Structure formats: structure tokens, C-alpha cells
């Protein structure tokens, strides 16, 4: 529980409520959009959410992961309605799935020794130009950006359930 009071422009404010996470809560996939290290906060782009989702470093299930967390990392999070802004969500718990930069190589070059796999589109978020593939043999969905596709037209017509090679 939070015990301190924060001051903003000389005005005291109540600490934010902690959000309880239960085994019944649903975990949603997303990507880290921004990390503000000096404030221990950040924002996530999550499946099904138009607005970025706020998170505090304390929401990470592995606290040591925050030190190396960066934009582009894939995450799974439990979202709860924000107590101050009911039209928004906050991340109550976050698991880091991949802390590597998730971007296609410059110019989408494919090397001769790259391995191609077949996958099924699990989710596509057109307005954020990202998506997730279910690939056999992978424990979690595989994140991709629209820029990884051969053309922007291909991404615009991409739908859940489509089979693709990656």
C-alpha cells in the first residue's frame, strides 16, 4: 500500500489506489510505447485499447526488469479501469515477454539464412500499426509492426485468422 502523499505544484494529493490482481483477471498483449525512468512510469500500447495505457514500475511482476525495459518490448498486462479517469485503463500487473527492440531491419531486408515460419494472425491493431501472430512452437504470440510487411496495402487488409509467413 502507498503511504506517502505526493505534492504537485504545492498542492497535496492522495496517492493512487493499488489495483488488486486475481487469478481470474485476463492478461492482454501489448508493447511498451514510452518509459519515463526518472518518474518510474511509462505507457503501453495494448490490444483493444485506442489510448495508451499508463503503468508504474511497481506493476512489473519482475521488478529488476524495469532497469532494462525499453520502447518496443512486448508485454502481457492486466488492465484495470483508472480510478481518476474512468474512460482509461492502467496496468495493474505487467509481465515482460521480450525486452528486445521489436523492429524490422532497415528496409525490411531478409537475410539468406533467415528462417521462415508460418503463423496465424491472432490480433491486428490497425490504428497502432502492430499485430500478433500465433506461431507453432512459440510459447507466446509473436509481435510484429506494419513496417515488417512487404507493403502498407498488405497490412491494411490483414485480418485475424489470416495465415502468413514470417
C-alpha atoms as a PDB file:
ATOM      1  CA  UNK A   1       0.000   0.000   0.000  1.00  0.00           C
ATOM      2  CA  UNK A   2       1.088   3.546  -0.714  1.00  0.00           C
ATOM      3  CA  UNK A   3       1.736   5.563   2.410  1.00  0.00           C
ATOM      4  CA  UNK A   4       3.246   8.770   1.090  1.00  0.00           C
ATOM      5  CA  UNK A   5       1.480  11.839  -0.226  1.00  0.00           C
ATOM      6  CA  UNK A   6       2.756  13.413  -3.415  1.00  0.00           C
ATOM      7  CA  UNK A   7       2.856  17.153  -3.991  1.00  0.00           C
ATOM      8  CA  UNK A   8       2.145  18.698  -7.371  1.00  0.00           C
ATOM      9  CA  UNK A   9       2.659  22.446  -7.712  1.00  0.00           C
ATOM     10  CA  UNK A  10       2.371  22.849  -3.962  1.00  0.00           C
ATOM     11  CA  UNK A  11      -0.964  21.034  -3.710  1.00  0.00           C
ATOM     12  CA  UNK A  12      -1.091  17.732  -1.775  1.00  0.00           C
ATOM     13  CA  UNK A  13      -2.906  14.910  -3.498  1.00  0.00           C
ATOM     14  CA  UNK A  14      -3.973  11.460  -2.485  1.00  0.00           C
ATOM     15  CA  UNK A  15      -1.786   8.554  -3.557  1.00  0.00           C
ATOM     16  CA  UNK A  16      -3.121   6.448  -6.424  1.00  0.00           C
ATOM     17  CA  UNK A  17      -5.017   3.338  -5.438  1.00  0.00           C
ATOM     18  CA  UNK A  18      -3.338  -0.038  -5.828  1.00  0.00           C
ATOM     19  CA  UNK A  19      -5.139  -2.441  -8.092  1.00  0.00           C
ATOM     20  CA  UNK A  20      -5.792  -5.978  -6.939  1.00  0.00           C
ATOM     21  CA  UNK A  21      -4.911  -8.706  -9.433  1.00  0.00           C
ATOM     22  CA  UNK A  22      -6.708 -12.034  -9.160  1.00  0.00           C
ATOM     23  CA  UNK A  23      -6.161 -15.369 -10.969  1.00  0.00           C
ATOM     24  CA  UNK A  24      -9.392 -14.715 -12.906  1.00  0.00           C
ATOM     25  CA  UNK A  25      -8.019 -11.500 -14.457  1.00  0.00           C
ATOM     26  CA  UNK A  26      -7.350 -11.600 -18.186  1.00  0.00           C
ATOM     27  CA  UNK A  27      -3.839 -10.878 -19.489  1.00  0.00           C
ATOM     28  CA  UNK A  28      -3.652  -8.769 -22.660  1.00  0.00           C
ATOM     29  CA  UNK A  29      -0.703  -8.428 -25.038  1.00  0.00           C
ATOM     30  CA  UNK A  30       0.899  -5.112 -25.911  1.00  0.00           C
ATOM     31  CA  UNK A  31       4.086  -3.166 -26.461  1.00  0.00           C
ATOM     32  CA  UNK A  32       5.944  -0.603 -24.376  1.00  0.00           C
ATOM     33  CA  UNK A  33       5.446   2.793 -26.027  1.00  0.00           C
ATOM     34  CA  UNK A  34       7.389   5.010 -23.607  1.00  0.00           C
ATOM     35  CA  UNK A  35       9.361   4.690 -20.372  1.00  0.00           C
ATOM     36  CA  UNK A  36       9.984   7.745 -18.146  1.00  0.00           C
ATOM     37  CA  UNK A  37      12.826   6.477 -15.968  1.00  0.00           C
ATOM     38  CA  UNK A  38      13.128   9.382 -13.525  1.00  0.00           C
ATOM     39  CA  UNK A  39       9.441   9.017 -12.591  1.00  0.00           C
ATOM     40  CA  UNK A  40       9.320   5.199 -12.785  1.00  0.00           C
ATOM     41  CA  UNK A  41       6.298   5.319 -15.102  1.00  0.00           C
ATOM     42  CA  UNK A  42       5.523   4.563 -18.698  1.00  0.00           C
ATOM     43  CA  UNK A  43       2.863   3.906 -21.295  1.00  0.00           C
ATOM     44  CA  UNK A  44       1.837   0.764 -23.153  1.00  0.00           C
ATOM     45  CA  UNK A  45       0.092   0.240 -26.484  1.00  0.00           C
ATOM     46  CA  UNK A  46      -2.282  -2.608 -25.692  1.00  0.00           C
ATOM     47  CA  UNK A  47      -4.541  -4.799 -27.826  1.00  0.00           C
ATOM     48  CA  UNK A  48      -8.071  -3.430 -27.932  1.00  0.00           C
ATOM     49  CA  UNK A  49      -7.156  -0.042 -26.424  1.00  0.00           C
ATOM     50  CA  UNK A  50      -7.111   3.118 -28.507  1.00  0.00           C
ATOM     51  CA  UNK A  51      -5.483   5.230 -25.789  1.00  0.00           C
ATOM     52  CA  UNK A  52      -2.075   4.365 -24.373  1.00  0.00           C
ATOM     53  CA  UNK A  53      -2.232   2.591 -21.005  1.00  0.00           C
ATOM     54  CA  UNK A  54      -0.383   4.097 -18.022  1.00  0.00           C
ATOM     55  CA  UNK A  55       1.860   1.930 -15.844  1.00  0.00           C
ATOM     56  CA  UNK A  56       4.029   2.389 -12.770  1.00  0.00           C
ATOM     57  CA  UNK A  57       7.243   0.392 -12.326  1.00  0.00           C
ATOM     58  CA  UNK A  58       5.696  -1.324  -9.281  1.00  0.00           C
ATOM     59  CA  UNK A  59       3.230  -3.102 -11.627  1.00  0.00           C
ATOM     60  CA  UNK A  60       6.029  -5.245 -13.089  1.00  0.00           C
ATOM     61  CA  UNK A  61       5.905  -8.823 -11.821  1.00  0.00           C
ATOM     62  CA  UNK A  62       9.715  -8.850 -12.047  1.00  0.00           C
ATOM     63  CA  UNK A  63      10.949  -5.552 -10.538  1.00  0.00           C
ATOM     64  CA  UNK A  64      14.502  -5.983 -11.888  1.00  0.00           C
ATOM     65  CA  UNK A  65      13.074  -5.986 -15.451  1.00  0.00           C
ATOM     66  CA  UNK A  66      12.333  -2.240 -15.191  1.00  0.00           C
ATOM     67  CA  UNK A  67      16.020  -1.281 -15.307  1.00  0.00           C
ATOM     68  CA  UNK A  68      16.347  -2.571 -18.869  1.00  0.00           C
ATOM     69  CA  UNK A  69      12.750  -2.038 -20.044  1.00  0.00           C
ATOM     70  CA  UNK A  70      12.566  -0.045 -23.260  1.00  0.00           C
ATOM     71  CA  UNK A  71      10.206   1.038 -26.008  1.00  0.00           C
ATOM     72  CA  UNK A  72       9.304  -1.869 -28.243  1.00  0.00           C
ATOM     73  CA  UNK A  73       9.422  -4.537 -25.534  1.00  0.00           C
ATOM     74  CA  UNK A  74       6.482  -6.926 -25.741  1.00  0.00           C
ATOM     75  CA  UNK A  75       4.447  -7.351 -22.582  1.00  0.00           C
ATOM     76  CA  UNK A  76       1.371  -9.015 -21.191  1.00  0.00           C
ATOM     77  CA  UNK A  77      -0.654  -6.972 -18.693  1.00  0.00           C
ATOM     78  CA  UNK A  78      -3.762  -6.997 -16.540  1.00  0.00           C
ATOM     79  CA  UNK A  79      -5.714  -3.803 -17.206  1.00  0.00           C
ATOM     80  CA  UNK A  80      -7.975  -2.148 -14.648  1.00  0.00           C
ATOM     81  CA  UNK A  81     -10.161   0.963 -15.021  1.00  0.00           C
ATOM     82  CA  UNK A  82      -8.296   4.085 -13.876  1.00  0.00           C
ATOM     83  CA  UNK A  83      -9.816   5.397 -10.642  1.00  0.00           C
ATOM     84  CA  UNK A  84      -9.220   9.019 -11.706  1.00  0.00           C
ATOM     85  CA  UNK A  85     -10.200   8.714 -15.373  1.00  0.00           C
ATOM     86  CA  UNK A  86     -12.899   6.028 -15.797  1.00  0.00           C
ATOM     87  CA  UNK A  87     -12.623   6.192 -19.602  1.00  0.00           C
ATOM     88  CA  UNK A  88      -8.992   4.979 -19.406  1.00  0.00           C
ATOM     89  CA  UNK A  89      -7.143   1.937 -18.104  1.00  0.00           C
ATOM     90  CA  UNK A  90      -3.977   1.393 -16.077  1.00  0.00           C
ATOM     91  CA  UNK A  91      -1.753  -1.681 -15.993  1.00  0.00           C
ATOM     92  CA  UNK A  92      -2.197  -3.399 -12.626  1.00  0.00           C
ATOM     93  CA  UNK A  93       0.377  -6.106 -13.393  1.00  0.00           C
ATOM     94  CA  UNK A  94       2.900  -6.486 -16.226  1.00  0.00           C
ATOM     95  CA  UNK A  95       4.940  -9.471 -17.411  1.00  0.00           C
ATOM     96  CA  UNK A  96       7.776  -8.664 -19.815  1.00  0.00           C
ATOM     97  CA  UNK A  97       7.705 -11.185 -22.674  1.00  0.00           C
ATOM     98  CA  UNK A  98      10.542  -9.783 -24.780  1.00  0.00           C
ATOM     99  CA  UNK A  99      12.721  -6.867 -23.782  1.00  0.00           C
ATOM    100  CA  UNK A 100      14.438  -6.613 -27.159  1.00  0.00           C
ATOM    101  CA  UNK A 101      13.768  -3.782 -29.574  1.00  0.00           C
ATOM    102  CA  UNK A 102      10.972  -5.070 -31.763  1.00  0.00           C
ATOM    103  CA  UNK A 103      11.504  -3.603 -35.178  1.00  0.00           C
ATOM    104  CA  UNK A 104      12.035  -4.844 -38.683  1.00  0.00           C
ATOM    105  CA  UNK A 105      15.502  -4.414 -40.134  1.00  0.00           C
ATOM    106  CA  UNK A 106      16.041  -1.198 -42.089  1.00  0.00           C
ATOM    107  CA  UNK A 107      14.359  -1.570 -45.451  1.00  0.00           C
ATOM    108  CA  UNK A 108      12.872  -4.919 -44.342  1.00  0.00           C
ATOM    109  CA  UNK A 109      15.917  -6.762 -45.666  1.00  0.00           C
ATOM    110  CA  UNK A 110      15.726 -10.512 -45.325  1.00  0.00           C
ATOM    111  CA  UNK A 111      18.995 -12.386 -44.973  1.00  0.00           C
ATOM    112  CA  UNK A 112      19.577 -15.644 -46.850  1.00  0.00           C
ATOM    113  CA  UNK A 113      19.960 -17.571 -43.578  1.00  0.00           C
ATOM    114  CA  UNK A 114      16.719 -16.252 -42.011  1.00  0.00           C
ATOM    115  CA  UNK A 115      14.250 -18.970 -41.013  1.00  0.00           C
ATOM    116  CA  UNK A 116      10.692 -18.558 -42.263  1.00  0.00           C
ATOM    117  CA  UNK A 117       7.785 -19.800 -40.152  1.00  0.00           C
ATOM    118  CA  UNK A 118       4.079 -19.956 -40.827  1.00  0.00           C
ATOM    119  CA  UNK A 119       1.722 -18.308 -38.377  1.00  0.00           C
ATOM    120  CA  UNK A 120      -1.863 -17.215 -37.927  1.00  0.00           C
ATOM    121  CA  UNK A 121      -2.756 -13.600 -37.181  1.00  0.00           C
ATOM    122  CA  UNK A 122      -4.001 -13.606 -33.556  1.00  0.00           C
ATOM    123  CA  UNK A 123      -4.659  -9.879 -33.345  1.00  0.00           C
ATOM    124  CA  UNK A 124      -4.092  -6.838 -35.502  1.00  0.00           C
ATOM    125  CA  UNK A 125      -4.383  -3.243 -34.282  1.00  0.00           C
ATOM    126  CA  UNK A 126      -4.599  -1.207 -37.464  1.00  0.00           C
ATOM    127  CA  UNK A 127      -4.613   2.247 -35.844  1.00  0.00           C
ATOM    128  CA  UNK A 128      -1.360   1.454 -33.978  1.00  0.00           C
ATOM    129  CA  UNK A 129       0.153  -0.437 -36.939  1.00  0.00           C
ATOM    130  CA  UNK A 130       1.022  -3.525 -34.870  1.00  0.00           C
ATOM    131  CA  UNK A 131      -0.141  -7.106 -34.580  1.00  0.00           C
ATOM    132  CA  UNK A 132       0.500 -10.523 -33.050  1.00  0.00           C
ATOM    133  CA  UNK A 133       0.955 -13.935 -34.668  1.00  0.00           C
ATOM    134  CA  UNK A 134       0.352 -17.387 -33.207  1.00  0.00           C
ATOM    135  CA  UNK A 135       3.321 -19.458 -34.352  1.00  0.00           C
ATOM    136  CA  UNK A 136       3.585 -23.166 -33.599  1.00  0.00           C
ATOM    137  CA  UNK A 137       6.456 -23.882 -31.234  1.00  0.00           C
ATOM    138  CA  UNK A 138       6.392 -20.421 -29.606  1.00  0.00           C
ATOM    139  CA  UNK A 139       5.012 -20.129 -26.067  1.00  0.00           C
ATOM    140  CA  UNK A 140       3.731 -16.580 -26.603  1.00  0.00           C
ATOM    141  CA  UNK A 141       2.312 -14.690 -29.555  1.00  0.00           C
ATOM    142  CA  UNK A 142       4.903 -13.070 -31.814  1.00  0.00           C
ATOM    143  CA  UNK A 143       4.744  -9.275 -32.089  1.00  0.00           C
ATOM    144  CA  UNK A 144       5.112  -7.534 -35.459  1.00  0.00           C
ATOM    145  CA  UNK A 145       4.963  -3.981 -36.800  1.00  0.00           C
ATOM    146  CA  UNK A 146       3.250  -2.998 -40.045  1.00  0.00           C
ATOM    147  CA  UNK A 147       6.663  -1.988 -41.404  1.00  0.00           C
ATOM    148  CA  UNK A 148       7.668  -5.677 -41.385  1.00  0.00           C
ATOM    149  CA  UNK A 149       5.146  -6.416 -44.131  1.00  0.00           C
ATOM    150  CA  UNK A 150       6.106  -6.130 -47.770  1.00  0.00           C
ATOM    151  CA  UNK A 151       3.605  -3.301 -48.380  1.00  0.00           C
ATOM    152  CA  UNK A 152       1.339  -0.967 -46.444  1.00  0.00           C
ATOM    153  CA  UNK A 153      -1.605  -2.247 -48.522  1.00  0.00           C
ATOM    154  CA  UNK A 154      -0.926  -5.763 -47.203  1.00  0.00           C
ATOM    155  CA  UNK A 155      -1.201  -4.535 -43.603  1.00  0.00           C
ATOM    156  CA  UNK A 156      -4.382  -2.562 -44.293  1.00  0.00           C
ATOM    157  CA  UNK A 157      -6.141  -5.722 -45.476  1.00  0.00           C
ATOM    158  CA  UNK A 158      -4.683  -8.045 -42.808  1.00  0.00           C
ATOM    159  CA  UNK A 159      -7.315  -9.757 -40.639  1.00  0.00           C
ATOM    160  CA  UNK A 160      -7.405 -12.067 -37.619  1.00  0.00           C
ATOM    161  CA  UNK A 161      -7.172 -15.688 -38.745  1.00  0.00           C
ATOM    162  CA  UNK A 162      -5.100 -14.988 -41.857  1.00  0.00           C
ATOM    163  CA  UNK A 163      -2.159 -17.337 -42.414  1.00  0.00           C
ATOM    164  CA  UNK A 164       1.160 -15.606 -43.076  1.00  0.00           C
ATOM    165  CA  UNK A 165       4.836 -16.452 -43.453  1.00  0.00           C
ATOM    166  CA  UNK A 166       7.261 -14.512 -41.295  1.00  0.00           C
END
